[in-house]
Amino acid sequence: MAEVTTVDKQKRVRCSDEQFLSAVFSSKTYAEIASKTGQKIASTMARYARVKEQLAKKGESLPVMERAKPVKTVDNIEAMAETVRRLKAVHSGQ
């Protein structure tokens, strides 16, 4: 389990290299790694990049991670098209 310490009213989550690498090899996205280690996604992405660079020097590689795709609940193409039509009408009248 990850160790949680409080520093300046912020919770800092630490996990071992073994726990981090285990999460990397059992995940497909940075968000999955972050949920398994308890760290923030930005911290996870930065650590992944550092570890990947260090391991590349030793001839080892990590699995390729994907970014979680945002789920769009609204099709905004028609709304954008309407905005473009409105702006064209406003700016062509000048």
Protein backbone atom coordinates (compact mmCIF):
# COMPACT_ATOMS: atom_id res chain seq x y z
CA MET A 1 0.00 0.00 0.00
CA ALA A 2 1.20 3.53 -0.71
CA GLU A 3 2.45 5.64 2.18
CA VAL A 4 0.57 8.90 2.80
CA THR A 5 2.28 11.76 4.59
CA THR A 6 1.03 15.27 5.24
CA VAL A 7 3.27 18.12 4.16
CA ASP A 8 2.00 21.71 4.37
CA LYS A 9 -1.64 20.53 4.41
CA GLN A 10 -1.13 18.55 1.19
CA LYS A 11 -1.25 14.79 1.08
CA ARG A 12 1.81 13.33 -0.55
CA VAL A 13 1.42 9.78 -1.75
CA ARG A 14 4.57 7.74 -2.11
CA CYS A 15 4.83 4.34 -3.68
CA SER A 16 7.80 2.10 -4.23
CA ASP A 17 9.42 1.61 -7.62
CA GLU A 18 8.20 -1.98 -7.59
CA GLN A 19 4.59 -0.91 -6.94
CA PHE A 20 4.84 1.76 -9.65
CA LEU A 21 6.27 -0.63 -12.24
CA SER A 22 3.70 -3.27 -11.35
CA ALA A 23 0.96 -0.70 -11.98
CA VAL A 24 2.58 0.29 -15.29
CA PHE A 25 2.69 -3.28 -16.58
CA SER A 26 -0.91 -3.97 -15.55
CA SER A 27 -2.38 -0.75 -17.01
CA LYS A 28 -3.11 0.79 -20.39
CA THR A 29 -3.59 4.43 -19.39
CA TYR A 30 -1.92 6.89 -17.05
CA ALA A 31 -5.23 7.21 -15.18
CA GLU A 32 -5.21 3.48 -14.39
CA ILE A 33 -1.65 3.73 -13.05
CA ALA A 34 -2.62 6.73 -10.93
CA SER A 35 -5.63 4.91 -9.47
CA LYS A 36 -3.46 1.94 -8.53
CA THR A 37 -0.68 4.00 -6.95
CA GLY A 38 -2.84 6.74 -5.42
CA GLN A 39 -0.83 9.47 -7.12
CA LYS A 40 -2.09 12.29 -9.32
CA ILE A 41 -2.20 11.72 -13.07
CA ALA A 42 0.28 14.55 -13.75
CA SER A 43 2.74 13.09 -11.22
CA THR A 44 2.25 9.65 -12.73
CA MET A 45 2.96 10.92 -16.25
CA ALA A 46 6.11 12.72 -15.08
CA ARG A 47 7.37 9.68 -13.18
CA TYR A 48 6.63 7.40 -16.15
CA ALA A 49 8.70 9.68 -18.42
CA ARG A 50 11.63 9.78 -15.96
CA VAL A 51 11.61 6.02 -15.42
CA LYS A 52 11.26 5.33 -19.15
CA GLU A 53 14.29 7.52 -19.89
CA GLN A 54 16.39 5.91 -17.15
CA LEU A 55 15.48 2.38 -18.23
CA ALA A 56 16.17 3.17 -21.90
CA LYS A 57 19.80 3.84 -20.91
CA LYS A 58 19.91 0.26 -19.55
CA GLY A 59 18.28 -1.18 -22.68
CA GLU A 60 14.90 -1.83 -21.06
CA SER A 61 11.56 -0.48 -22.23
CA LEU A 62 8.16 0.16 -20.67
CA PRO A 63 4.78 -0.54 -22.27
CA VAL A 64 3.33 2.35 -24.25
CA MET A 65 0.65 4.22 -22.32
CA GLU A 66 -2.44 5.82 -23.78
CA ARG A 67 -4.20 8.89 -22.52
CA ALA A 68 -7.75 8.30 -21.42
CA LYS A 69 -10.08 9.77 -24.03
CA PRO A 70 -12.66 12.22 -22.69
CA VAL A 71 -16.22 11.04 -23.06
CA LYS A 72 -18.29 13.57 -24.96
CA THR A 73 -21.91 13.53 -23.98
CA VAL A 74 -22.98 16.36 -26.28
CA ASP A 75 -22.38 16.64 -30.00
CA ASN A 76 -21.24 20.23 -30.24
CA ILE A 77 -20.53 20.33 -33.99
CA GLU A 78 -23.96 21.78 -34.79
CA ALA A 79 -23.58 24.34 -31.99
CA MET A 80 -20.18 25.38 -33.36
CA ALA A 81 -21.61 25.63 -36.89
CA GLU A 82 -24.38 27.91 -35.59
CA THR A 83 -21.79 30.06 -33.80
CA VAL A 84 -19.76 30.37 -37.02
CA ARG A 85 -22.88 31.40 -38.98
CA ARG A 86 -23.76 34.00 -36.33
CA LEU A 87 -20.22 35.40 -36.24
CA LYS A 88 -20.06 35.59 -40.04
CA ALA A 89 -23.32 37.53 -40.07
CA VAL A 90 -22.06 39.94 -37.40
CA HIS A 91 -18.66 40.51 -38.99
CA SER A 92 -19.82 40.74 -42.60
CA GLY A 93 -22.25 43.55 -41.67
CA GLN A 94 -19.39 45.88 -40.69
